[in-house]
Amino acid sequence: MSARLKQAAVILVALFALAQLVRPLHAKPATDSSRTIQAHLQQGSELGAVLDRSCGNCHTNAAAWPWYARIAPVSWLIANGVREGRDAVNFSEWAGYSPAQQRTLLAASCQDVREGRMPDRLYTMLRPEARMSEQDVEMLCTAARQAERLPAREQP
């Protein structure tokens, strides 16, 4: 091994070790169950379970942080993905959205899963159980269509 190659390897290992000192916040805010989308769905709806399984780690306050979420730079990517997911829609804070926002978010969620943008492909490679079946997609899209037809105060 040449001296330059050894030097580069030492520098890379040192940078990787230093990167471990930069820890992103693994926030798991408290959740009031009465504010979640599950609390606002019709009794017996299976949609809540689908959303928990396929969307819960990025779009709720209940993100599960796997062991690899503690290793930089992967930890930075995961923390950023969760932050962006919660900013887009947080199913744990569903009651905080107006009925119009809820309709818009459900419609956007339907479109994202229909077009294969959600759940993210890399995420489903790591967590195959998060993949949405055609039945799951149709369930979400049906809920979106039904929300469009409800009067404003009866929104899910």
Protein backbone atom coordinates (compact mmCIF):
# COMPACT_ATOMS: atom_id res chain seq x y z
CA MET A 1 0.00 0.00 0.00
CA SER A 2 1.45 3.33 -0.98
CA ALA A 3 2.08 6.04 1.61
CA ARG A 4 -0.58 8.29 0.02
CA LEU A 5 -3.17 5.52 0.15
CA LYS A 6 -2.39 4.80 3.81
CA GLN A 7 -2.60 8.50 4.59
CA ALA A 8 -5.98 8.75 2.82
CA ALA A 9 -7.28 5.69 4.70
CA VAL A 10 -6.22 7.16 8.07
CA ILE A 11 -7.89 10.47 7.21
CA LEU A 12 -11.13 8.72 6.16
CA VAL A 13 -11.21 6.65 9.35
CA ALA A 14 -10.56 9.78 11.45
CA LEU A 15 -13.32 11.70 9.64
CA PHE A 16 -15.74 8.81 10.15
CA ALA A 17 -14.87 8.70 13.86
CA LEU A 18 -15.29 12.47 14.22
CA ALA A 19 -18.62 12.31 12.38
CA GLN A 20 -19.94 10.10 15.19
CA LEU A 21 -19.71 13.09 17.52
CA VAL A 22 -22.33 14.99 15.51
CA ARG A 23 -25.54 13.45 16.80
CA PRO A 24 -28.90 14.49 15.37
CA LEU A 25 -31.83 14.83 17.70
CA HIS A 26 -33.96 11.67 17.73
CA ALA A 27 -37.10 13.48 18.76
CA LYS A 28 -40.07 11.44 19.90
CA PRO A 29 -42.57 14.10 21.01
CA ALA A 30 -45.38 13.12 23.33
CA THR A 31 -48.60 12.27 21.54
CA ASP A 32 -52.13 12.96 22.67
CA SER A 33 -54.05 9.98 21.25
CA SER A 34 -57.18 12.12 20.82
CA ARG A 35 -55.30 14.26 18.25
CA THR A 36 -54.15 11.39 16.02
CA ILE A 37 -55.71 10.45 12.70
CA GLN A 38 -56.69 7.09 14.23
CA ALA A 39 -58.90 8.92 16.74
CA HIS A 40 -60.65 10.66 13.85
CA LEU A 41 -61.21 7.63 11.63
CA GLN A 42 -64.47 5.72 11.57
CA GLN A 43 -64.70 2.93 14.12
CA GLY A 44 -63.27 -0.31 12.78
CA SER A 45 -61.27 1.37 9.99
CA GLU A 46 -58.16 -0.57 9.01
CA LEU A 47 -56.60 2.59 7.59
CA GLY A 48 -55.01 3.47 10.94
CA ALA A 49 -53.04 0.21 10.97
CA VAL A 50 -51.90 0.77 7.37
CA LEU A 51 -50.75 4.30 8.18
CA ASP A 52 -48.93 3.11 11.30
CA ARG A 53 -47.13 0.34 9.42
CA SER A 54 -46.26 2.24 6.24
CA CYS A 55 -46.09 5.88 7.31
CA GLY A 56 -45.61 5.89 11.08
CA ASN A 57 -41.83 6.11 11.25
CA CYS A 58 -41.65 9.36 9.29
CA HIS A 59 -45.10 10.93 9.56
CA THR A 60 -45.92 10.54 13.27
CA ASN A 61 -44.35 11.38 16.61
CA ALA A 62 -43.77 7.66 17.22
CA ALA A 63 -40.73 7.17 14.99
CA ALA A 64 -38.80 4.00 15.79
CA TRP A 65 -35.07 4.72 15.66
CA PRO A 66 -33.22 1.56 14.53
CA TRP A 67 -29.64 0.85 15.56
CA TYR A 68 -28.23 2.21 12.30
CA ALA A 69 -29.88 5.57 13.05
CA ARG A 70 -27.05 6.09 15.53
CA ILE A 71 -24.26 5.83 12.96
CA ALA A 72 -23.24 8.93 11.01
CA PRO A 73 -23.81 9.83 8.23
CA VAL A 74 -26.85 7.51 8.04
CA SER A 75 -28.17 9.06 11.28
CA TRP A 76 -28.21 12.47 9.64
CA LEU A 77 -30.16 11.21 6.65
CA ILE A 78 -32.74 9.41 8.79
CA ALA A 79 -33.22 12.34 11.18
CA ASN A 80 -33.63 14.69 8.22
CA GLY A 81 -36.14 12.33 6.57
CA VAL A 82 -38.23 12.13 9.75
CA ARG A 83 -38.13 15.92 10.19
CA GLU A 84 -39.21 16.47 6.57
CA GLY A 85 -41.89 13.79 6.87
CA ARG A 86 -43.39 15.34 9.97
CA ASP A 87 -43.28 18.77 8.34
CA ALA A 88 -45.19 17.44 5.32
CA VAL A 89 -47.87 15.66 7.38
CA ASN A 90 -47.90 14.46 10.97
CA PHE A 91 -50.64 11.91 11.56
CA SER A 92 -50.04 12.26 15.33
CA GLU A 93 -51.16 15.91 15.12
CA TRP A 94 -54.13 15.37 12.78
CA ALA A 95 -56.53 17.39 14.94
CA GLY A 96 -54.27 20.42 14.49
CA TYR A 97 -55.06 20.59 10.78
CA SER A 98 -58.15 22.38 9.54
CA PRO A 99 -60.74 20.26 7.68
CA ALA A 100 -59.54 21.77 4.39
CA GLN A 101 -55.93 20.88 5.24
CA GLN A 102 -56.98 17.35 6.18
CA ARG A 103 -58.72 16.91 2.81
CA THR A 104 -55.65 18.25 1.00
CA LEU A 105 -53.25 16.06 2.98
CA LEU A 106 -55.31 12.92 2.38
CA ALA A 107 -55.53 13.68 -1.33
CA ALA A 108 -51.77 14.35 -1.52
CA SER A 109 -51.08 11.15 0.42
CA CYS A 110 -53.24 9.18 -2.01
CA GLN A 111 -51.44 10.69 -4.99
CA ASP A 112 -47.99 10.04 -3.45
CA VAL A 113 -48.69 6.36 -2.78
CA ARG A 114 -50.40 5.84 -6.16
CA GLU A 115 -47.37 7.29 -7.95
CA GLY A 116 -44.93 5.27 -5.83
CA ARG A 117 -43.30 8.28 -4.14
CA MET A 118 -44.35 7.05 -0.72
CA PRO A 119 -43.30 5.11 1.17
CA ASP A 120 -39.80 5.94 0.00
CA ARG A 121 -38.09 3.11 -1.94
CA LEU A 122 -34.94 3.16 0.18
CA TYR A 123 -37.07 2.98 3.32
CA THR A 124 -39.01 -0.03 2.04
CA MET A 125 -35.75 -1.75 1.12
CA LEU A 126 -34.71 -1.49 4.77
CA ARG A 127 -38.23 -2.18 6.08
CA PRO A 128 -40.14 -4.31 3.56
CA GLU A 129 -43.14 -4.56 5.88
CA ALA A 130 -43.81 -0.87 5.15
CA ARG A 131 -44.62 -1.55 1.50
CA MET A 132 -48.21 -0.74 0.63
CA SER A 133 -50.29 -3.29 -1.22
CA GLU A 134 -52.80 -2.26 -3.88
CA GLN A 135 -55.49 -2.83 -1.25
CA ASP A 136 -53.67 -0.47 1.17
CA VAL A 137 -53.37 2.20 -1.52
CA GLU A 138 -57.04 1.86 -2.44
CA MET A 139 -58.05 2.11 1.23
CA LEU A 140 -56.13 5.39 1.62
CA CYS A 141 -57.50 6.80 -1.63
CA THR A 142 -61.05 5.80 -0.70
CA ALA A 143 -60.65 7.68 2.59
CA ALA A 144 -59.42 10.71 0.63
CA ARG A 145 -62.43 10.57 -1.72
CA GLN A 146 -64.83 10.18 1.20
CA ALA A 147 -63.26 13.15 3.01
CA GLU A 148 -63.91 15.30 -0.05
CA ARG A 149 -67.63 14.54 0.21
CA LEU A 150 -68.03 15.20 3.95
CA PRO A 151 -69.19 18.53 5.34
CA ALA A 152 -66.32 20.51 6.88
CA ARG A 153 -67.05 19.67 10.54
CA GLU A 154 -67.29 15.90 9.94
CA GLN A 155 -63.78 15.47 8.57
CA PRO A 156 -61.74 12.47 9.74
